[in-house]
C-alpha atoms as a PDB file:
ATOM      1  CA  MET A   1      59.881 -14.503-227.059  1.00  0.00           C
ATOM      2  CA  LYS A   2      63.473 -15.707-227.771  1.00  0.00           C
ATOM      3  CA  LYS A   3      62.548 -19.204-226.581  1.00  0.00           C
ATOM      4  CA  LEU A   4      59.516 -19.239-228.879  1.00  0.00           C
ATOM      5  CA  LEU A   5      61.630 -18.162-231.895  1.00  0.00           C
ATOM      6  CA  LEU A   6      64.274 -20.747-231.056  1.00  0.00           C
ATOM      7  CA  ALA A   7      61.651 -23.480-230.705  1.00  0.00           C
ATOM      8  CA  ALA A   8      60.056 -22.461-234.015  1.00  0.00           C
ATOM      9  CA  SER A   9      63.450 -22.468-235.761  1.00  0.00           C
ATOM     10  CA  VAL A  10      64.332 -25.930-234.403  1.00  0.00           C
ATOM     11  CA  ALA A  11      60.908 -27.269-235.397  1.00  0.00           C
ATOM     12  CA  ALA A  12      61.307 -25.878-238.918  1.00  0.00           C
ATOM     13  CA  MET A  13      64.750 -27.471-239.297  1.00  0.00           C
ATOM     14  CA  MET A  14      63.443 -30.821-238.088  1.00  0.00           C
ATOM     15  CA  THR A  15      60.770 -30.849-240.795  1.00  0.00           C
ATOM     16  CA  LEU A  16      63.185 -30.109-243.650  1.00  0.00           C
ATOM     17  CA  PRO A  17      63.862 -33.196-245.748  1.00  0.00           C
ATOM     18  CA  ALA A  18      67.362 -34.606-245.559  1.00  0.00           C
ATOM     19  CA  GLN A  19      69.382 -33.821-248.648  1.00  0.00           C
ATOM     20  CA  ALA A  20      71.847 -36.110-250.311  1.00  0.00           C
ATOM     21  CA  ALA A  21      75.432 -34.913-250.147  1.00  0.00           C
ATOM     22  CA  ASP A  22      77.631 -34.882-253.234  1.00  0.00           C
ATOM     23  CA  TYR A  23      81.069 -36.479-253.117  1.00  0.00           C
ATOM     24  CA  VAL A  24      84.029 -36.578-255.471  1.00  0.00           C
ATOM     25  CA  ILE A  25      85.905 -39.881-255.576  1.00  0.00           C
ATOM     26  CA  ASP A  26      89.357 -39.388-254.027  1.00  0.00           C
ATOM     27  CA  THR A  27      91.701 -40.615-256.741  1.00  0.00           C
ATOM     28  CA  GLN A  28      94.309 -37.899-256.095  1.00  0.00           C
ATOM     29  CA  GLY A  29      94.943 -39.246-252.623  1.00  0.00           C
ATOM     30  CA  ALA A  30      94.899 -42.823-253.971  1.00  0.00           C
ATOM     31  CA  HIS A  31      91.980 -43.733-251.719  1.00  0.00           C
ATOM     32  CA  ALA A  32      90.011 -45.400-254.497  1.00  0.00           C
ATOM     33  CA  PHE A  33      90.756 -48.419-256.667  1.00  0.00           C
ATOM     34  CA  VAL A  34      89.406 -50.203-259.733  1.00  0.00           C
ATOM     35  CA  GLN A  35      91.015 -53.627-259.758  1.00  0.00           C
ATOM     36  CA  PHE A  36      90.384 -56.914-261.525  1.00  0.00           C
ATOM     37  CA  LYS A  37      91.364 -60.534-261.413  1.00  0.00           C
ATOM     38  CA  ILE A  38      91.029 -63.226-264.025  1.00  0.00           C
ATOM     39  CA  SER A  39      92.029 -66.844-264.047  1.00  0.00           C
ATOM     40  CA  HIS A  40      95.148 -67.617-266.028  1.00  0.00           C
ATOM     41  CA  LEU A  41      94.265 -70.879-267.766  1.00  0.00           C
ATOM     42  CA  GLY A  42      92.780 -72.188-264.538  1.00  0.00           C
ATOM     43  CA  TYR A  43      96.213 -72.416-262.891  1.00  0.00           C
ATOM     44  CA  SER A  44      96.600 -69.061-261.155  1.00  0.00           C
ATOM     45  CA  TRP A  45      95.117 -65.572-260.832  1.00  0.00           C
ATOM     46  CA  LEU A  46      96.228 -62.589-262.846  1.00  0.00           C
ATOM     47  CA  TYR A  47      95.600 -59.315-261.022  1.00  0.00           C
ATOM     48  CA  GLY A  48      95.471 -55.848-262.468  1.00  0.00           C
ATOM     49  CA  ARG A  49      94.060 -52.383-262.037  1.00  0.00           C
ATOM     50  CA  PHE A  50      93.192 -49.196-263.846  1.00  0.00           C
ATOM     51  CA  ASN A  51      95.428 -46.385-262.664  1.00  0.00           C
ATOM     52  CA  THR A  52      93.405 -43.467-264.026  1.00  0.00           C
ATOM     53  CA  PHE A  53      89.718 -42.947-263.334  1.00  0.00           C
ATOM     54  CA  SER A  54      87.386 -40.340-261.913  1.00  0.00           C
ATOM     55  CA  GLY A  55      83.867 -40.077-260.640  1.00  0.00           C
ATOM     56  CA  ASP A  56      81.439 -38.791-258.101  1.00  0.00           C
ATOM     57  CA  PHE A  57      78.443 -39.895-256.135  1.00  0.00           C
ATOM     58  CA  SER A  58      75.471 -38.530-254.281  1.00  0.00           C
ATOM     59  CA  TYR A  59      74.616 -40.200-250.975  1.00  0.00           C
ATOM     60  CA  ASP A  60      72.224 -39.808-248.043  1.00  0.00           C
ATOM     61  CA  ALA A  61      72.462 -42.529-245.371  1.00  0.00           C
ATOM     62  CA  ASP A  62      68.745 -42.154-244.657  1.00  0.00           C
ATOM     63  CA  LYS A  63      67.760 -42.583-248.324  1.00  0.00           C
ATOM     64  CA  LEU A  64      70.170 -45.146-249.758  1.00  0.00           C
ATOM     65  CA  THR A  65      67.825 -45.910-252.647  1.00  0.00           C
ATOM     66  CA  ASP A  66      68.249 -42.319-253.896  1.00  0.00           C
ATOM     67  CA  ALA A  67      72.053 -42.584-254.124  1.00  0.00           C
ATOM     68  CA  LYS A  68      73.737 -42.173-257.509  1.00  0.00           C
ATOM     69  CA  ILE A  69      77.246 -42.866-258.759  1.00  0.00           C
ATOM     70  CA  GLN A  70      79.075 -42.306-262.003  1.00  0.00           C
ATOM     71  CA  LEU A  71      82.582 -43.464-262.829  1.00  0.00           C
ATOM     72  CA  THR A  72      84.807 -42.954-265.885  1.00  0.00           C
ATOM     73  CA  ILE A  73      87.842 -45.183-266.431  1.00  0.00           C
ATOM     74  CA  ASP A  74      90.754 -44.451-268.766  1.00  0.00           C
ATOM     75  CA  THR A  75      91.114 -47.927-270.291  1.00  0.00           C
ATOM     76  CA  ALA A  76      94.657 -47.188-271.516  1.00  0.00           C
ATOM     77  CA  SER A  77      95.687 -46.977-267.847  1.00  0.00           C
ATOM     78  CA  VAL A  78      95.321 -50.753-267.449  1.00  0.00           C
ATOM     79  CA  ASP A  79      98.212 -52.079-265.369  1.00  0.00           C
ATOM     80  CA  SER A  80      98.841 -55.780-264.798  1.00  0.00           C
ATOM     81  CA  ASN A  81     102.455 -55.246-263.700  1.00  0.00           C
ATOM     82  CA  HIS A  82     103.730 -56.593-267.033  1.00  0.00           C
ATOM     83  CA  ALA A  83     104.379 -54.122-269.891  1.00  0.00           C
ATOM     84  CA  GLU A  84     104.016 -56.590-272.777  1.00  0.00           C
ATOM     85  CA  ARG A  85     100.780 -58.016-271.379  1.00  0.00           C
ATOM     86  CA  ASP A  86      99.425 -54.497-270.795  1.00  0.00           C
ATOM     87  CA  LYS A  87     100.176 -53.646-274.439  1.00  0.00           C
ATOM     88  CA  HIS A  88      98.191 -56.740-275.469  1.00  0.00           C
ATOM     89  CA  LEU A  89      95.319 -55.834-273.103  1.00  0.00           C
ATOM     90  CA  ARG A  90      95.130 -52.383-274.761  1.00  0.00           C
ATOM     91  CA  SER A  91      94.908 -53.950-278.233  1.00  0.00           C
ATOM     92  CA  GLY A  92      91.840 -54.879-280.259  1.00  0.00           C
ATOM     93  CA  ASP A  93      92.008 -58.371-278.743  1.00  0.00           C
ATOM     94  CA  PHE A  94      90.789 -56.989-275.413  1.00  0.00           C
ATOM     95  CA  LEU A  95      90.072 -53.349-274.461  1.00  0.00           C
ATOM     96  CA  ASN A  96      90.628 -51.801-277.901  1.00  0.00           C
ATOM     97  CA  VAL A  97      91.678 -48.505-276.312  1.00  0.00           C
ATOM     98  CA  SER A  98      92.353 -46.757-279.629  1.00  0.00           C
ATOM     99  CA  LYS A  99      88.625 -47.010-280.453  1.00  0.00           C
ATOM    100  CA  HIS A 100      87.245 -47.042-276.884  1.00  0.00           C
ATOM    101  CA  PRO A 101      89.536 -45.006-274.605  1.00  0.00           C
ATOM    102  CA  LYS A 102      86.964 -44.748-271.814  1.00  0.00           C
ATOM    103  CA  ALA A 103      84.773 -47.155-269.871  1.00  0.00           C
ATOM    104  CA  THR A 104      81.886 -45.738-267.866  1.00  0.00           C
ATOM    105  CA  PHE A 105      79.521 -46.865-265.142  1.00  0.00           C
ATOM    106  CA  VAL A 106      76.322 -44.978-264.333  1.00  0.00           C
ATOM    107  CA  SER A 107      74.057 -46.277-261.568  1.00  0.00           C
ATOM    108  CA  THR A 108      70.366 -46.842-262.250  1.00  0.00           C
ATOM    109  CA  LYS A 109      69.057 -48.391-259.038  1.00  0.00           C
ATOM    110  CA  ILE A 110      70.098 -49.425-255.521  1.00  0.00           C
ATOM    111  CA  VAL A 111      68.524 -52.356-253.710  1.00  0.00           C
ATOM    112  CA  PRO A 112      69.288 -52.413-249.960  1.00  0.00           C
ATOM    113  CA  LYS A 113      70.262 -55.763-248.433  1.00  0.00           C
ATOM    114  CA  ALA A 114      71.148 -56.738-244.866  1.00  0.00           C
ATOM    115  CA  GLY A 115      73.103 -54.288-242.703  1.00  0.00           C
ATOM    116  CA  GLU A 116      75.354 -52.010-244.742  1.00  0.00           C
ATOM    117  CA  THR A 117      75.164 -54.106-247.938  1.00  0.00           C
ATOM    118  CA  PHE A 118      73.261 -53.369-251.120  1.00  0.00           C
ATOM    119  CA  ASP A 119      73.085 -54.246-254.809  1.00  0.00           C
ATOM    120  CA  LEU A 120      74.184 -51.405-257.044  1.00  0.00           C
ATOM    121  CA  HIS A 121      72.587 -51.686-260.488  1.00  0.00           C
ATOM    122  CA  GLY A 122      73.910 -49.678-263.393  1.00  0.00           C
ATOM    123  CA  ASN A 123      75.002 -49.471-266.991  1.00  0.00           C
ATOM    124  CA  LEU A 124      78.611 -50.356-267.726  1.00  0.00           C
ATOM    125  CA  THR A 125      79.997 -49.299-271.087  1.00  0.00           C
ATOM    126  CA  LEU A 126      83.165 -51.194-271.921  1.00  0.00           C
ATOM    127  CA  ASN A 127      84.748 -51.762-275.324  1.00  0.00           C
ATOM    128  CA  GLY A 128      81.858 -49.883-276.945  1.00  0.00           C
ATOM    129  CA  VAL A 129      79.193 -52.161-275.457  1.00  0.00           C
ATOM    130  CA  THR A 130      76.732 -51.082-272.758  1.00  0.00           C
ATOM    131  CA  LYS A 131      75.262 -53.726-270.454  1.00  0.00           C
ATOM    132  CA  GLU A 132      73.457 -53.636-267.146  1.00  0.00           C
ATOM    133  CA  VAL A 133      75.564 -55.013-264.315  1.00  0.00           C
ATOM    134  CA  VAL A 134      74.916 -55.545-260.621  1.00  0.00           C
ATOM    135  CA  ILE A 135      77.666 -54.765-258.129  1.00  0.00           C
ATOM    136  CA  ALA A 136      77.404 -56.435-254.716  1.00  0.00           C
ATOM    137  CA  ALA A 137      78.385 -53.478-252.539  1.00  0.00           C
ATOM    138  CA  GLU A 138      78.814 -52.450-248.934  1.00  0.00           C
ATOM    139  CA  LYS A 139      79.270 -49.228-247.058  1.00  0.00           C
ATOM    140  CA  LEU A 140      82.643 -49.238-245.324  1.00  0.00           C
ATOM    141  CA  GLY A 141      82.128 -46.118-243.234  1.00  0.00           C
ATOM    142  CA  GLU A 142      81.720 -42.365-243.169  1.00  0.00           C
ATOM    143  CA  GLY A 143      82.781 -39.451-241.011  1.00  0.00           C
ATOM    144  CA  LYS A 144      85.021 -36.445-240.554  1.00  0.00           C
ATOM    145  CA  ASP A 145      88.613 -36.650-241.708  1.00  0.00           C
ATOM    146  CA  PRO A 146      91.631 -35.045-239.952  1.00  0.00           C
ATOM    147  CA  TRP A 147      91.737 -32.192-242.501  1.00  0.00           C
ATOM    148  CA  GLY A 148      88.266 -30.782-241.811  1.00  0.00           C
ATOM    149  CA  GLY A 149      86.476 -32.667-244.577  1.00  0.00           C
ATOM    150  CA  TYR A 150      83.878 -35.406-244.550  1.00  0.00           C
ATOM    151  CA  ARG A 151      84.284 -38.762-246.290  1.00  0.00           C
ATOM    152  CA  ALA A 152      82.233 -41.833-247.148  1.00  0.00           C
ATOM    153  CA  GLY A 153      83.619 -45.134-248.400  1.00  0.00           C
ATOM    154  CA  PHE A 154      82.187 -48.109-250.241  1.00  0.00           C
ATOM    155  CA  ALA A 155      83.436 -51.341-251.806  1.00  0.00           C
ATOM    156  CA  GLY A 156      81.882 -53.638-254.353  1.00  0.00           C
ATOM    157  CA  THR A 157      82.483 -56.538-256.670  1.00  0.00           C
ATOM    158  CA  THR A 158      80.943 -57.915-259.822  1.00  0.00           C
ATOM    159  CA  THR A 159      81.798 -60.573-262.379  1.00  0.00           C
ATOM    160  CA  LEU A 160      81.777 -59.761-266.082  1.00  0.00           C
ATOM    161  CA  THR A 161      81.611 -62.222-268.947  1.00  0.00           C
ATOM    162  CA  LEU A 162      84.168 -61.007-271.472  1.00  0.00           C
ATOM    163  CA  LYS A 163      82.112 -61.939-274.541  1.00  0.00           C
ATOM    164  CA  ASP A 164      79.237 -59.770-273.243  1.00  0.00           C
ATOM    165  CA  PHE A 165      81.507 -56.785-273.905  1.00  0.00           C
ATOM    166  CA  ALA A 166      82.756 -57.943-277.328  1.00  0.00           C
ATOM    167  CA  ILE A 167      86.028 -59.224-275.898  1.00  0.00           C
ATOM    168  CA  ASN A 168      86.101 -62.399-277.935  1.00  0.00           C
ATOM    169  CA  THR A 169      89.682 -63.580-277.501  1.00  0.00           C
ATOM    170  CA  ASP A 170      89.357 -67.180-276.295  1.00  0.00           C
ATOM    171  CA  LEU A 171      91.572 -67.836-273.293  1.00  0.00           C
ATOM    172  CA  GLY A 172      89.741 -71.039-272.383  1.00  0.00           C
ATOM    173  CA  PRO A 173      86.723 -71.634-270.169  1.00  0.00           C
ATOM    174  CA  ALA A 174      88.523 -70.783-266.924  1.00  0.00           C
ATOM    175  CA  SER A 175      89.213 -67.277-268.264  1.00  0.00           C
ATOM    176  CA  ALA A 176      85.786 -66.443-269.704  1.00  0.00           C
ATOM    177  CA  THR A 177      84.948 -64.098-266.837  1.00  0.00           C
ATOM    178  CA  VAL A 178      86.760 -61.364-264.964  1.00  0.00           C
ATOM    179  CA  GLN A 179      86.078 -60.220-261.408  1.00  0.00           C
ATOM    180  CA  LEU A 180      85.979 -56.446-261.010  1.00  0.00           C
ATOM    181  CA  ASP A 181      86.606 -55.008-257.530  1.00  0.00           C
ATOM    182  CA  LEU A 182      85.906 -51.356-256.750  1.00  0.00           C
ATOM    183  CA  THR A 183      86.749 -49.380-253.653  1.00  0.00           C
ATOM    184  CA  VAL A 184      85.720 -45.746-253.539  1.00  0.00           C
ATOM    185  CA  GLU A 185      86.280 -43.138-250.893  1.00  0.00           C
ATOM    186  CA  GLY A 186      84.517 -39.893-251.573  1.00  0.00           C
ATOM    187  CA  ILE A 187      85.191 -36.427-250.203  1.00  0.00           C
ATOM    188  CA  ARG A 188      82.065 -34.397-249.654  1.00  0.00           C
ATOM    189  CA  LYS A 189      82.001 -31.340-251.921  1.00  0.00           C
END
């Protein structure tokens, strides 16, 4: 009788649908980054990052297309390693942080590609303008961490045209776009 109950219990568990796990993006441990690079007049690259952001995602390895992510960025936390430039980036010429202190990304669709890569579609709101963007993304890995938790990590990149987000300051044709690089490591809730 015990064997029959055990077999029935195992069979019931095997027929349950897999459920997506919810993760919080690990910004406290500095295991996530929102970085950017833009050409400086076509002569060099200017790199920067946003120091303050938060978000979460829902993920099931067996149902990638059902995954969801949301991210909120404090635009005043922009950091290009140059205080005067950062002040200018916060101004109405660029991020206009006094009127638009937050940028957000909310996923709308995931299109699997080869291996661990996928296109992450979503709505990015930046400088008061919302546009659909596609982030070329990849799963970096997942598993148990040394502290008894479980983590999953992803990276992605996209290119934004500044004028699409009402950033109209003309820095020349080489600086019309900015590359946004995201790395997120989530801790399962």
